């Protein structure tokens, strides 16, 4: 992780260590002492910069998401000059690469998964910072693809369906690696898998657009 993300080297080392350890053990099982040992700082430094473990956890989450968003910006999915189909394909490709990143940046996905499974007071911050922006992008794109016949609830179902297809490759990684690892075995294959999810979704949206709503 980039050591220059924050100007204060001590603060930065603590955040880098905190992201790794919180991702590995979760908020409740992690101790400040473990983080300090990893960062090679004393506990007084954590108290000075972050006050307590809960505040450090929230800042570590924000730090991890910032790092991931810098590597995988969603600009190509937000570009209103592109067609809805292109924006959807771009979103899925970028999102899937972020989810399957095996470097230190993969910690952000692990942090989210742990928080969802065992929520803390930070969950609302995670939803606001990391999930809502992605949901909003898809909520703008999907209506253009399914047309005016779909209800708001159906739009949300479509958005969740796209996210769910992508998240399968993150949360079922241990299974995929044992059954069909080749589908995400390289950056090129991740692109191919992303293109498949986009084609699958677009085909479904065309069917929805052609089917009169029962509402």
N, C-alpha and C. Protein backbone atom coordinates (compact mmCIF):
# COMPACT_ATOMS: atom_id res chain seq x y z
N UNK A 1 0.85 -1.19 0.00
CA UNK A 1 0.00 0.00 0.00
C UNK A 1 0.88 1.23 0.00
N UNK A 2 0.49 2.24 -0.68
CA UNK A 2 1.27 3.44 -0.86
C UNK A 2 1.55 4.11 0.49
N UNK A 3 2.85 4.27 0.81
CA UNK A 3 3.22 4.86 2.09
C UNK A 3 2.99 6.35 2.14
N UNK A 4 2.72 6.98 1.01
CA UNK A 4 2.57 8.44 0.98
C UNK A 4 1.12 8.88 0.90
N UNK A 5 0.19 7.99 1.24
CA UNK A 5 -1.22 8.35 1.16
C UNK A 5 -1.57 9.49 2.10
N UNK A 6 -0.90 9.54 3.25
CA UNK A 6 -1.07 10.64 4.19
C UNK A 6 0.31 11.20 4.51
N UNK A 7 0.42 12.50 4.76
CA UNK A 7 1.74 13.10 4.96
C UNK A 7 2.43 12.65 6.23
N UNK A 8 1.68 12.30 7.26
CA UNK A 8 2.27 11.87 8.52
C UNK A 8 2.63 10.39 8.41
N UNK A 9 3.93 10.04 8.44
CA UNK A 9 4.31 8.64 8.22
C UNK A 9 3.82 7.70 9.32
N UNK A 10 3.73 8.18 10.55
CA UNK A 10 3.25 7.32 11.63
C UNK A 10 1.78 7.00 11.45
N UNK A 11 1.00 8.02 11.17
CA UNK A 11 -0.43 7.82 10.93
C UNK A 11 -0.65 6.87 9.76
N UNK A 12 0.14 7.05 8.74
CA UNK A 12 0.00 6.23 7.55
C UNK A 12 0.33 4.76 7.84
N UNK A 13 1.40 4.53 8.59
CA UNK A 13 1.79 3.16 8.93
C UNK A 13 0.70 2.48 9.76
N UNK A 14 0.11 3.23 10.67
CA UNK A 14 -0.96 2.65 11.49
C UNK A 14 -2.15 2.27 10.62
N UNK A 15 -2.53 3.13 9.68
CA UNK A 15 -3.67 2.83 8.82
C UNK A 15 -3.40 1.62 7.94
N UNK A 16 -2.20 1.55 7.38
CA UNK A 16 -1.84 0.40 6.54
C UNK A 16 -1.95 -0.89 7.35
N UNK A 17 -1.39 -0.88 8.55
CA UNK A 17 -1.45 -2.07 9.41
C UNK A 17 -2.87 -2.37 9.84
N UNK A 18 -3.64 -1.35 10.16
CA UNK A 18 -5.01 -1.54 10.62
C UNK A 18 -5.88 -2.18 9.53
N UNK A 19 -5.73 -1.71 8.30
CA UNK A 19 -6.51 -2.28 7.21
C UNK A 19 -6.24 -3.78 7.09
N UNK A 20 -4.97 -4.15 7.13
CA UNK A 20 -4.61 -5.56 6.96
C UNK A 20 -5.15 -6.42 8.10
N UNK A 21 -5.00 -5.95 9.32
CA UNK A 21 -5.39 -6.77 10.47
C UNK A 21 -6.90 -6.80 10.66
N UNK A 22 -7.57 -5.67 10.47
CA UNK A 22 -9.03 -5.67 10.55
C UNK A 22 -9.63 -6.58 9.47
N UNK A 23 -9.04 -6.56 8.27
CA UNK A 23 -9.53 -7.42 7.19
C UNK A 23 -9.35 -8.89 7.53
N UNK A 24 -8.26 -9.21 8.22
CA UNK A 24 -7.95 -10.60 8.53
C UNK A 24 -8.78 -11.13 9.70
N UNK A 25 -8.97 -10.30 10.73
CA UNK A 25 -9.58 -10.81 11.96
C UNK A 25 -10.92 -10.16 12.32
N UNK A 26 -11.29 -9.07 11.65
CA UNK A 26 -12.53 -8.39 11.99
C UNK A 26 -12.33 -7.41 13.12
N UNK A 27 -13.29 -6.52 13.28
CA UNK A 27 -13.17 -5.46 14.28
C UNK A 27 -13.09 -6.03 15.70
N UNK A 28 -13.97 -6.96 16.01
CA UNK A 28 -14.09 -7.41 17.40
C UNK A 28 -12.88 -8.22 17.86
N UNK A 29 -12.28 -8.98 16.97
CA UNK A 29 -11.16 -9.84 17.34
C UNK A 29 -9.80 -9.16 17.24
N UNK A 30 -9.76 -7.99 16.65
CA UNK A 30 -8.50 -7.26 16.51
C UNK A 30 -8.23 -6.43 17.75
N UNK A 31 -6.98 -6.36 18.15
CA UNK A 31 -6.60 -5.51 19.25
C UNK A 31 -5.70 -4.38 18.76
N UNK A 32 -5.76 -3.25 19.46
CA UNK A 32 -4.90 -2.13 19.12
C UNK A 32 -3.44 -2.52 19.27
N UNK A 33 -3.15 -3.37 20.25
CA UNK A 33 -1.77 -3.82 20.45
C UNK A 33 -1.23 -4.55 19.22
N UNK A 34 -2.08 -5.38 18.59
CA UNK A 34 -1.66 -6.09 17.36
C UNK A 34 -1.35 -5.10 16.25
N UNK A 35 -2.20 -4.10 16.11
CA UNK A 35 -1.98 -3.10 15.06
C UNK A 35 -0.70 -2.33 15.31
N UNK A 36 -0.47 -1.96 16.57
CA UNK A 36 0.74 -1.21 16.91
C UNK A 36 1.99 -2.04 16.63
N UNK A 37 1.93 -3.33 16.93
CA UNK A 37 3.08 -4.19 16.67
C UNK A 37 3.36 -4.28 15.17
N UNK A 38 2.29 -4.40 14.38
CA UNK A 38 2.45 -4.48 12.93
C UNK A 38 3.01 -3.17 12.37
N UNK A 39 2.55 -2.05 12.91
CA UNK A 39 2.97 -0.74 12.42
C UNK A 39 4.27 -0.26 13.04
N UNK A 40 4.75 -0.99 14.07
CA UNK A 40 5.95 -0.62 14.79
C UNK A 40 5.82 0.77 15.42
N UNK A 41 4.69 0.96 16.12
CA UNK A 41 4.47 2.20 16.86
C UNK A 41 3.97 1.84 18.25
N UNK A 42 3.97 2.81 19.17
CA UNK A 42 3.44 2.53 20.50
C UNK A 42 1.96 2.90 20.57
N UNK A 43 1.31 2.39 21.59
CA UNK A 43 -0.14 2.59 21.73
C UNK A 43 -0.47 4.07 21.88
N UNK A 44 0.42 4.83 22.46
CA UNK A 44 0.18 6.28 22.61
C UNK A 44 0.01 6.95 21.25
N UNK A 45 0.70 6.46 20.24
CA UNK A 45 0.56 7.03 18.89
C UNK A 45 -0.84 6.82 18.34
N UNK A 46 -1.40 5.65 18.59
CA UNK A 46 -2.77 5.38 18.14
C UNK A 46 -3.75 6.26 18.89
N UNK A 47 -3.56 6.39 20.19
CA UNK A 47 -4.45 7.25 20.97
C UNK A 47 -4.37 8.69 20.50
N UNK A 48 -3.18 9.13 20.16
CA UNK A 48 -2.99 10.52 19.71
C UNK A 48 -3.67 10.77 18.37
N UNK A 49 -3.47 9.85 17.43
CA UNK A 49 -3.97 10.07 16.07
C UNK A 49 -5.45 9.68 15.90
N UNK A 50 -5.91 8.68 16.65
CA UNK A 50 -7.24 8.12 16.37
C UNK A 50 -8.17 8.04 17.59
N UNK A 51 -7.67 8.29 18.77
CA UNK A 51 -8.43 8.29 20.03
C UNK A 51 -8.74 6.88 20.54
N UNK A 52 -9.35 6.03 19.69
CA UNK A 52 -9.72 4.70 20.16
C UNK A 52 -9.85 3.73 18.98
N UNK A 53 -10.10 2.47 19.29
CA UNK A 53 -10.15 1.45 18.24
C UNK A 53 -11.29 1.70 17.27
N UNK A 54 -12.45 2.12 17.76
CA UNK A 54 -13.60 2.35 16.88
C UNK A 54 -13.31 3.44 15.86
N UNK A 55 -12.69 4.53 16.31
CA UNK A 55 -12.35 5.62 15.38
C UNK A 55 -11.29 5.17 14.38
N UNK A 56 -10.31 4.40 14.86
CA UNK A 56 -9.29 3.87 13.96
C UNK A 56 -9.92 2.97 12.91
N UNK A 57 -10.87 2.15 13.32
CA UNK A 57 -11.54 1.24 12.39
C UNK A 57 -12.24 2.01 11.27
N UNK A 58 -12.98 3.06 11.64
CA UNK A 58 -13.69 3.85 10.64
C UNK A 58 -12.71 4.52 9.67
N UNK A 59 -11.61 5.03 10.20
CA UNK A 59 -10.64 5.69 9.32
C UNK A 59 -9.91 4.67 8.45
N UNK A 60 -9.67 3.49 8.99
CA UNK A 60 -9.04 2.44 8.20
C UNK A 60 -9.94 2.01 7.03
N UNK A 61 -11.24 1.93 7.28
CA UNK A 61 -12.19 1.61 6.21
C UNK A 61 -12.14 2.67 5.11
N UNK A 62 -12.22 3.93 5.52
CA UNK A 62 -12.19 5.02 4.54
C UNK A 62 -10.88 5.00 3.75
N UNK A 63 -9.79 4.70 4.43
CA UNK A 63 -8.47 4.63 3.80
C UNK A 63 -8.43 3.51 2.76
N UNK A 64 -8.95 2.33 3.12
CA UNK A 64 -8.96 1.20 2.20
C UNK A 64 -9.80 1.49 0.97
N UNK A 65 -10.96 2.11 1.16
CA UNK A 65 -11.83 2.42 0.03
C UNK A 65 -11.21 3.47 -0.88
N UNK A 66 -10.53 4.45 -0.28
CA UNK A 66 -9.86 5.48 -1.07
C UNK A 66 -8.78 4.84 -1.96
N UNK A 67 -8.00 3.93 -1.37
CA UNK A 67 -6.95 3.26 -2.13
C UNK A 67 -7.54 2.47 -3.30
N UNK A 68 -8.62 1.73 -3.02
CA UNK A 68 -9.24 0.91 -4.08
C UNK A 68 -9.84 1.78 -5.17
N UNK A 69 -10.50 2.87 -4.78
CA UNK A 69 -11.13 3.75 -5.77
C UNK A 69 -10.10 4.47 -6.63
N UNK A 70 -8.92 4.73 -6.06
CA UNK A 70 -7.87 5.36 -6.85
C UNK A 70 -7.35 4.41 -7.93
N UNK A 71 -7.27 3.13 -7.61
CA UNK A 71 -6.80 2.17 -8.61
C UNK A 71 -7.91 1.81 -9.59
N UNK A 72 -9.16 1.76 -9.11
CA UNK A 72 -10.27 1.34 -9.96
C UNK A 72 -11.36 2.43 -10.00
N UNK A 73 -11.06 3.58 -10.56
CA UNK A 73 -12.08 4.64 -10.63
C UNK A 73 -13.20 4.24 -11.58
N UNK A 74 -14.40 4.69 -11.27
CA UNK A 74 -15.58 4.33 -12.07
C UNK A 74 -15.95 5.42 -13.07
N UNK A 75 -14.98 6.24 -13.46
CA UNK A 75 -15.26 7.35 -14.39
C UNK A 75 -15.90 6.87 -15.69
N UNK A 76 -15.43 5.73 -16.20
CA UNK A 76 -15.96 5.22 -17.47
C UNK A 76 -17.38 4.71 -17.33
N UNK A 77 -17.81 4.44 -16.12
CA UNK A 77 -19.20 4.04 -15.90
C UNK A 77 -20.10 5.24 -15.65
N UNK A 78 -19.49 6.37 -15.29
CA UNK A 78 -20.26 7.58 -15.01
C UNK A 78 -20.41 8.48 -16.24
N UNK A 79 -19.63 8.23 -17.28
CA UNK A 79 -19.56 9.12 -18.44
C UNK A 79 -20.89 9.14 -19.19
N UNK A 80 -21.62 10.23 -19.06
CA UNK A 80 -22.94 10.34 -19.68
C UNK A 80 -22.87 10.40 -21.20
N UNK A 81 -21.69 10.64 -21.75
CA UNK A 81 -21.55 10.68 -23.21
C UNK A 81 -21.57 9.28 -23.82
N UNK A 82 -21.36 8.27 -23.00
CA UNK A 82 -21.36 6.90 -23.49
C UNK A 82 -22.78 6.34 -23.46
N UNK A 83 -23.01 5.29 -24.25
CA UNK A 83 -24.32 4.64 -24.24
C UNK A 83 -24.51 3.91 -22.91
N UNK A 84 -25.77 3.62 -22.60
CA UNK A 84 -26.06 2.88 -21.38
C UNK A 84 -25.41 1.51 -21.40
N UNK A 85 -25.37 0.87 -22.58
CA UNK A 85 -24.74 -0.44 -22.70
C UNK A 85 -23.24 -0.35 -22.38
N UNK A 86 -22.58 0.68 -22.90
CA UNK A 86 -21.15 0.85 -22.64
C UNK A 86 -20.89 1.14 -21.16
N UNK A 87 -21.73 1.98 -20.58
CA UNK A 87 -21.55 2.32 -19.17
C UNK A 87 -21.73 1.09 -18.28
N UNK A 88 -22.72 0.28 -18.61
CA UNK A 88 -22.93 -0.95 -17.84
C UNK A 88 -21.73 -1.88 -17.98
N UNK A 89 -21.26 -2.08 -19.20
CA UNK A 89 -20.12 -2.96 -19.42
C UNK A 89 -18.88 -2.45 -18.70
N UNK A 90 -18.68 -1.15 -18.74
CA UNK A 90 -17.52 -0.56 -18.06
C UNK A 90 -17.62 -0.75 -16.55
N UNK A 91 -18.82 -0.53 -16.02
CA UNK A 91 -19.01 -0.71 -14.58
C UNK A 91 -18.67 -2.14 -14.16
N UNK A 92 -19.22 -3.11 -14.87
CA UNK A 92 -19.01 -4.51 -14.50
C UNK A 92 -17.54 -4.87 -14.60
N UNK A 93 -16.87 -4.42 -15.66
CA UNK A 93 -15.44 -4.74 -15.84
C UNK A 93 -14.60 -4.17 -14.70
N UNK A 94 -14.80 -2.91 -14.38
CA UNK A 94 -14.02 -2.25 -13.33
C UNK A 94 -14.33 -2.88 -11.97
N UNK A 95 -15.60 -3.08 -11.71
CA UNK A 95 -16.03 -3.63 -10.42
C UNK A 95 -15.48 -5.04 -10.22
N UNK A 96 -15.51 -5.86 -11.27
CA UNK A 96 -15.04 -7.23 -11.15
C UNK A 96 -13.52 -7.27 -10.93
N UNK A 97 -12.79 -6.40 -11.61
CA UNK A 97 -11.35 -6.35 -11.38
C UNK A 97 -11.04 -5.93 -9.95
N UNK A 98 -11.82 -4.99 -9.42
CA UNK A 98 -11.60 -4.57 -8.04
C UNK A 98 -11.90 -5.71 -7.07
N UNK A 99 -12.98 -6.43 -7.32
CA UNK A 99 -13.37 -7.52 -6.43
C UNK A 99 -12.35 -8.66 -6.42
N UNK A 100 -11.73 -8.90 -7.55
CA UNK A 100 -10.81 -10.04 -7.67
C UNK A 100 -9.35 -9.65 -7.48
N UNK A 101 -9.09 -8.43 -7.09
CA UNK A 101 -7.72 -7.96 -6.86
C UNK A 101 -7.12 -8.73 -5.67
N UNK A 102 -6.03 -9.43 -5.91
CA UNK A 102 -5.40 -10.23 -4.86
C UNK A 102 -4.27 -9.50 -4.15
N UNK A 103 -4.03 -8.24 -4.50
CA UNK A 103 -3.00 -7.47 -3.83
C UNK A 103 -3.57 -6.94 -2.50
N UNK A 104 -2.82 -6.06 -1.86
CA UNK A 104 -3.30 -5.47 -0.61
C UNK A 104 -4.64 -4.75 -0.79
N UNK A 105 -4.94 -4.32 -2.03
CA UNK A 105 -6.20 -3.60 -2.26
C UNK A 105 -7.41 -4.51 -2.11
N UNK A 106 -7.17 -5.81 -2.14
CA UNK A 106 -8.27 -6.74 -1.92
C UNK A 106 -8.82 -6.68 -0.50
N UNK A 107 -8.07 -6.02 0.40
CA UNK A 107 -8.54 -5.93 1.79
C UNK A 107 -9.88 -5.19 1.88
N UNK A 108 -10.11 -4.25 0.97
CA UNK A 108 -11.34 -3.46 1.10
C UNK A 108 -12.58 -4.34 0.96
N UNK A 109 -12.52 -5.32 0.05
CA UNK A 109 -13.65 -6.23 -0.11
C UNK A 109 -13.83 -7.13 1.09
N UNK A 110 -12.71 -7.55 1.67
CA UNK A 110 -12.76 -8.40 2.86
C UNK A 110 -13.35 -7.63 4.04
N UNK A 111 -12.98 -6.35 4.13
CA UNK A 111 -13.53 -5.51 5.20
C UNK A 111 -15.04 -5.39 5.09
N UNK A 112 -15.52 -5.15 3.85
CA UNK A 112 -16.97 -5.03 3.64
C UNK A 112 -17.67 -6.34 4.00
N UNK A 113 -17.10 -7.46 3.53
CA UNK A 113 -17.72 -8.77 3.80
C UNK A 113 -17.81 -9.03 5.30
N UNK A 114 -16.75 -8.72 6.02
CA UNK A 114 -16.77 -8.92 7.47
C UNK A 114 -17.80 -8.02 8.14
N UNK A 115 -17.88 -6.79 7.67
CA UNK A 115 -18.81 -5.84 8.29
C UNK A 115 -20.25 -6.25 8.03
N UNK A 116 -20.54 -6.74 6.85
CA UNK A 116 -21.90 -7.18 6.54
C UNK A 116 -22.28 -8.40 7.37
N UNK A 117 -21.31 -9.33 7.54
CA UNK A 117 -21.58 -10.55 8.30
C UNK A 117 -21.70 -10.28 9.80
N UNK A 118 -20.95 -9.29 10.28
CA UNK A 118 -20.95 -8.99 11.72
C UNK A 118 -20.91 -7.47 11.89
N UNK A 119 -22.05 -6.79 11.72
CA UNK A 119 -22.07 -5.33 11.63
C UNK A 119 -21.60 -4.65 12.92
N UNK A 120 -20.95 -3.51 12.71
CA UNK A 120 -20.59 -2.62 13.81
C UNK A 120 -21.25 -1.27 13.54
N UNK A 121 -20.91 -0.29 14.35
CA UNK A 121 -21.46 1.05 14.15
C UNK A 121 -20.95 1.68 12.85
N UNK A 122 -19.95 1.06 12.24
CA UNK A 122 -19.37 1.62 11.00
C UNK A 122 -20.16 1.22 9.75
N UNK A 123 -21.14 0.32 9.88
CA UNK A 123 -21.82 -0.18 8.69
C UNK A 123 -22.47 0.93 7.88
N UNK A 124 -23.12 1.88 8.55
CA UNK A 124 -23.76 2.98 7.81
C UNK A 124 -22.75 3.79 7.02
N UNK A 125 -21.55 3.96 7.59
CA UNK A 125 -20.50 4.69 6.87
C UNK A 125 -20.06 3.91 5.64
N UNK A 126 -19.93 2.58 5.78
CA UNK A 126 -19.54 1.76 4.64
C UNK A 126 -20.57 1.85 3.53
N UNK A 127 -21.84 1.77 3.89
CA UNK A 127 -22.90 1.85 2.89
C UNK A 127 -22.84 3.18 2.16
N UNK A 128 -22.65 4.25 2.92
CA UNK A 128 -22.62 5.59 2.33
C UNK A 128 -21.40 5.80 1.43
N UNK A 129 -20.24 5.34 1.90
CA UNK A 129 -18.99 5.60 1.18
C UNK A 129 -18.77 4.63 0.03
N UNK A 130 -19.02 3.35 0.26
CA UNK A 130 -18.59 2.33 -0.68
C UNK A 130 -19.70 1.72 -1.53
N UNK A 131 -20.93 1.70 -1.04
CA UNK A 131 -21.99 0.97 -1.73
C UNK A 131 -22.96 1.89 -2.45
N UNK A 132 -23.40 2.94 -1.79
CA UNK A 132 -24.38 3.84 -2.40
C UNK A 132 -23.90 4.43 -3.73
N UNK A 133 -22.65 4.90 -3.85
CA UNK A 133 -22.22 5.44 -5.15
C UNK A 133 -22.32 4.44 -6.29
N UNK A 134 -22.00 3.18 -6.02
CA UNK A 134 -22.11 2.15 -7.05
C UNK A 134 -23.58 1.87 -7.39
N UNK A 135 -24.39 1.80 -6.36
CA UNK A 135 -25.82 1.57 -6.56
C UNK A 135 -26.43 2.69 -7.39
N UNK A 136 -26.02 3.93 -7.14
CA UNK A 136 -26.57 5.08 -7.86
C UNK A 136 -26.19 5.06 -9.34
N UNK A 137 -24.95 4.64 -9.63
CA UNK A 137 -24.54 4.54 -11.04
C UNK A 137 -25.44 3.57 -11.79
N UNK A 138 -25.62 2.39 -11.22
CA UNK A 138 -26.46 1.38 -11.88
C UNK A 138 -27.92 1.81 -11.93
N UNK A 139 -28.37 2.52 -10.91
CA UNK A 139 -29.76 2.98 -10.88
C UNK A 139 -30.04 4.02 -11.96
N UNK A 140 -29.00 4.68 -12.45
CA UNK A 140 -29.15 5.62 -13.56
C UNK A 140 -29.10 4.91 -14.91
N UNK A 141 -28.28 3.86 -14.98
CA UNK A 141 -28.07 3.17 -16.26
C UNK A 141 -29.19 2.19 -16.58
N UNK A 142 -29.61 1.41 -15.60
CA UNK A 142 -30.57 0.33 -15.84
C UNK A 142 -31.89 0.83 -16.44
N UNK A 143 -32.49 1.92 -15.97
CA UNK A 143 -33.76 2.36 -16.57
C UNK A 143 -33.67 2.63 -18.07
N UNK A 144 -32.50 3.06 -18.52
CA UNK A 144 -32.33 3.29 -19.96
C UNK A 144 -32.34 1.97 -20.73
N UNK A 145 -31.99 0.89 -20.07
CA UNK A 145 -31.90 -0.41 -20.73
C UNK A 145 -33.19 -1.20 -20.69
N UNK A 146 -34.01 -0.99 -19.67
CA UNK A 146 -35.24 -1.77 -19.54
C UNK A 146 -36.47 -0.97 -19.98
N UNK A 147 -36.31 0.33 -20.17
CA UNK A 147 -37.43 1.13 -20.64
C UNK A 147 -38.37 1.54 -19.52
N UNK A 148 -39.45 2.25 -19.86
CA UNK A 148 -40.34 2.83 -18.86
C UNK A 148 -41.31 1.85 -18.22
N UNK A 149 -41.36 0.61 -18.70
CA UNK A 149 -42.35 -0.33 -18.19
C UNK A 149 -42.04 -0.92 -16.84
N UNK A 150 -40.79 -0.83 -16.39
CA UNK A 150 -40.40 -1.46 -15.13
C UNK A 150 -40.63 -0.52 -13.96
N UNK A 151 -41.08 -1.08 -12.86
CA UNK A 151 -41.30 -0.30 -11.65
C UNK A 151 -39.97 0.00 -10.97
N UNK A 152 -40.01 0.89 -10.00
CA UNK A 152 -38.82 1.19 -9.23
C UNK A 152 -38.28 -0.03 -8.51
N UNK A 153 -39.17 -0.86 -8.00
CA UNK A 153 -38.73 -2.08 -7.32
C UNK A 153 -38.02 -3.01 -8.29
N UNK A 154 -38.54 -3.11 -9.52
CA UNK A 154 -37.90 -3.98 -10.50
C UNK A 154 -36.53 -3.44 -10.91
N UNK A 155 -36.40 -2.12 -10.97
CA UNK A 155 -35.10 -1.52 -11.26
C UNK A 155 -34.11 -1.92 -10.17
N UNK A 156 -34.54 -1.82 -8.93
CA UNK A 156 -33.67 -2.21 -7.81
C UNK A 156 -33.30 -3.68 -7.89
N UNK A 157 -34.25 -4.52 -8.29
CA UNK A 157 -33.94 -5.95 -8.44
C UNK A 157 -32.89 -6.17 -9.53
N UNK A 158 -33.01 -5.41 -10.60
CA UNK A 158 -32.03 -5.52 -11.68
C UNK A 158 -30.64 -5.10 -11.21
N UNK A 159 -30.58 -4.00 -10.47
CA UNK A 159 -29.31 -3.51 -9.95
C UNK A 159 -28.69 -4.55 -9.03
N UNK A 160 -29.50 -5.09 -8.12
CA UNK A 160 -29.00 -6.11 -7.20
C UNK A 160 -28.57 -7.37 -7.95
N UNK A 161 -29.26 -7.68 -9.04
CA UNK A 161 -28.88 -8.84 -9.85
C UNK A 161 -27.51 -8.67 -10.47
N UNK A 162 -27.21 -7.48 -10.97
CA UNK A 162 -25.88 -7.21 -11.54
C UNK A 162 -24.81 -7.33 -10.47
N UNK A 163 -25.05 -6.66 -9.35
CA UNK A 163 -24.06 -6.70 -8.27
C UNK A 163 -23.86 -8.12 -7.76
N UNK A 164 -24.97 -8.86 -7.67
CA UNK A 164 -24.88 -10.23 -7.18
C UNK A 164 -24.04 -11.12 -8.08
N UNK A 165 -24.19 -10.97 -9.39
CA UNK A 165 -23.38 -11.76 -10.31
C UNK A 165 -21.89 -11.47 -10.12
N UNK A 166 -21.57 -10.21 -9.93
CA UNK A 166 -20.16 -9.84 -9.73
C UNK A 166 -19.64 -10.33 -8.38
N UNK A 167 -20.44 -10.14 -7.34
CA UNK A 167 -20.01 -10.50 -5.99
C UNK A 167 -19.81 -12.01 -5.82
N UNK A 168 -20.47 -12.79 -6.66
CA UNK A 168 -20.26 -14.23 -6.63
C UNK A 168 -18.78 -14.57 -6.78
N UNK A 169 -18.07 -13.82 -7.61
CA UNK A 169 -16.67 -14.11 -7.88
C UNK A 169 -15.76 -13.69 -6.73
N UNK A 170 -16.29 -12.87 -5.84
CA UNK A 170 -15.55 -12.49 -4.64
C UNK A 170 -15.83 -13.44 -3.49
N UNK A 171 -17.10 -13.60 -3.17
CA UNK A 171 -17.46 -14.32 -1.97
C UNK A 171 -17.47 -15.83 -2.14
N UNK A 172 -17.44 -16.30 -3.39
CA UNK A 172 -17.33 -17.74 -3.64
C UNK A 172 -15.99 -18.07 -4.29
N UNK A 173 -15.02 -17.24 -4.03
CA UNK A 173 -13.71 -17.40 -4.68
C UNK A 173 -13.09 -18.77 -4.37
N UNK A 174 -13.22 -19.23 -3.14
CA UNK A 174 -12.61 -20.51 -2.78
C UNK A 174 -13.23 -21.66 -3.57
N UNK A 175 -14.52 -21.55 -3.89
CA UNK A 175 -15.19 -22.58 -4.69
C UNK A 175 -14.77 -22.47 -6.15
N UNK A 176 -14.79 -21.24 -6.69
CA UNK A 176 -14.41 -21.02 -8.09
C UNK A 176 -12.99 -21.49 -8.34
N UNK A 177 -12.09 -21.20 -7.39
CA UNK A 177 -10.69 -21.61 -7.56
C UNK A 177 -10.54 -23.12 -7.62
N UNK A 178 -11.51 -23.85 -7.09
CA UNK A 178 -11.44 -25.32 -7.10
C UNK A 178 -12.20 -25.95 -8.26
N UNK A 179 -13.17 -25.24 -8.80
CA UNK A 179 -14.01 -25.82 -9.86
C UNK A 179 -13.64 -25.29 -11.24
N UNK A 180 -13.53 -23.98 -11.37
CA UNK A 180 -13.24 -23.40 -12.70
C UNK A 180 -12.38 -22.14 -12.54
N UNK A 181 -11.16 -22.28 -12.03
CA UNK A 181 -10.31 -21.11 -11.77
C UNK A 181 -9.97 -20.32 -13.02
N UNK A 182 -10.07 -20.97 -14.18
CA UNK A 182 -9.68 -20.28 -15.41
C UNK A 182 -10.57 -19.10 -15.75
N UNK A 183 -11.79 -19.04 -15.21
CA UNK A 183 -12.70 -17.96 -15.60
C UNK A 183 -12.27 -16.61 -15.03
N UNK A 184 -11.39 -16.65 -14.01
CA UNK A 184 -10.83 -15.39 -13.48
C UNK A 184 -9.33 -15.56 -13.25
N UNK A 185 -8.72 -16.41 -14.06
CA UNK A 185 -7.32 -16.76 -13.85
C UNK A 185 -6.32 -15.74 -14.33
N UNK A 186 -6.75 -14.73 -15.06
CA UNK A 186 -5.85 -13.70 -15.57
C UNK A 186 -6.66 -12.44 -15.81
N UNK A 187 -6.00 -11.30 -15.97
CA UNK A 187 -6.76 -10.07 -16.28
C UNK A 187 -7.62 -10.20 -17.54
N UNK A 188 -7.10 -10.93 -18.53
CA UNK A 188 -7.87 -11.11 -19.76
C UNK A 188 -9.13 -11.94 -19.51
N UNK A 189 -9.00 -12.98 -18.68
CA UNK A 189 -10.16 -13.82 -18.39
C UNK A 189 -11.16 -13.09 -17.49
N UNK A 190 -10.68 -12.22 -16.63
CA UNK A 190 -11.60 -11.39 -15.85
C UNK A 190 -12.39 -10.48 -16.78
N UNK A 191 -11.72 -9.93 -17.79
CA UNK A 191 -12.42 -9.13 -18.80
C UNK A 191 -13.49 -9.96 -19.51
N UNK A 192 -13.13 -11.20 -19.86
CA UNK A 192 -14.09 -12.07 -20.55
C UNK A 192 -15.29 -12.40 -19.65
N UNK A 193 -15.02 -12.63 -18.38
CA UNK A 193 -16.12 -12.92 -17.45
C UNK A 193 -17.00 -11.69 -17.27
N UNK A 194 -16.38 -10.52 -17.18
CA UNK A 194 -17.16 -9.28 -17.08
C UNK A 194 -18.03 -9.07 -18.31
N UNK A 195 -17.46 -9.36 -19.49
CA UNK A 195 -18.23 -9.22 -20.73
C UNK A 195 -19.41 -10.20 -20.74
N UNK A 196 -19.20 -11.39 -20.21
CA UNK A 196 -20.29 -12.37 -20.13
C UNK A 196 -21.41 -11.86 -19.22
N UNK A 197 -21.05 -11.32 -18.05
CA UNK A 197 -22.07 -10.79 -17.14
C UNK A 197 -22.84 -9.67 -17.81
N UNK A 198 -22.14 -8.83 -18.56
CA UNK A 198 -22.81 -7.73 -19.25
C UNK A 198 -23.77 -8.26 -20.31
N UNK A 199 -23.33 -9.23 -21.12
CA UNK A 199 -24.20 -9.81 -22.15
C UNK A 199 -25.41 -10.48 -21.52
N UNK A 200 -25.18 -11.23 -20.49
CA UNK A 200 -26.26 -11.94 -19.78
C UNK A 200 -27.29 -10.94 -19.26
N UNK A 201 -26.81 -9.87 -18.66
CA UNK A 201 -27.71 -8.86 -18.08
C UNK A 201 -28.46 -8.11 -19.17
N UNK A 202 -27.77 -7.73 -20.22
CA UNK A 202 -28.41 -6.98 -21.31
C UNK A 202 -29.49 -7.82 -21.99
N UNK A 203 -29.23 -9.12 -22.15
CA UNK A 203 -30.24 -10.00 -22.74
C UNK A 203 -31.48 -10.06 -21.85
N UNK A 204 -31.26 -10.15 -20.55
CA UNK A 204 -32.39 -10.18 -19.61
C UNK A 204 -33.16 -8.86 -19.65
N UNK A 205 -32.44 -7.75 -19.76
CA UNK A 205 -33.11 -6.45 -19.78
C UNK A 205 -33.96 -6.28 -21.04
N UNK A 206 -33.49 -6.81 -22.15
CA UNK A 206 -34.29 -6.74 -23.39
C UNK A 206 -35.59 -7.53 -23.22
N UNK A 207 -35.50 -8.67 -22.56
CA UNK A 207 -36.70 -9.46 -22.31
C UNK A 207 -37.66 -8.72 -21.39
N UNK A 208 -37.13 -8.07 -20.36
CA UNK A 208 -37.96 -7.28 -19.45
C UNK A 208 -38.65 -6.15 -20.20
N UNK A 209 -37.88 -5.49 -21.07
CA UNK A 209 -38.45 -4.36 -21.82
C UNK A 209 -39.58 -4.81 -22.73
N UNK A 210 -39.51 -6.07 -23.21
CA UNK A 210 -40.52 -6.59 -24.12
C UNK A 210 -41.71 -7.21 -23.39
N UNK A 211 -41.60 -7.34 -22.08
CA UNK A 211 -42.66 -7.97 -21.29
C UNK A 211 -43.48 -6.92 -20.57
N UNK A 212 -44.77 -6.82 -20.84
CA UNK A 212 -45.59 -5.82 -20.14
C UNK A 212 -45.57 -6.04 -18.63
N UNK A 213 -45.45 -4.97 -17.89
CA UNK A 213 -45.46 -5.07 -16.44
C UNK A 213 -46.85 -5.44 -15.95
N UNK A 214 -46.92 -6.27 -14.91
CA UNK A 214 -48.19 -6.67 -14.32
C UNK A 214 -48.68 -5.64 -13.28
N UNK A 215 -47.88 -4.66 -13.01
CA UNK A 215 -48.24 -3.67 -12.01
C UNK A 215 -49.19 -2.61 -12.60
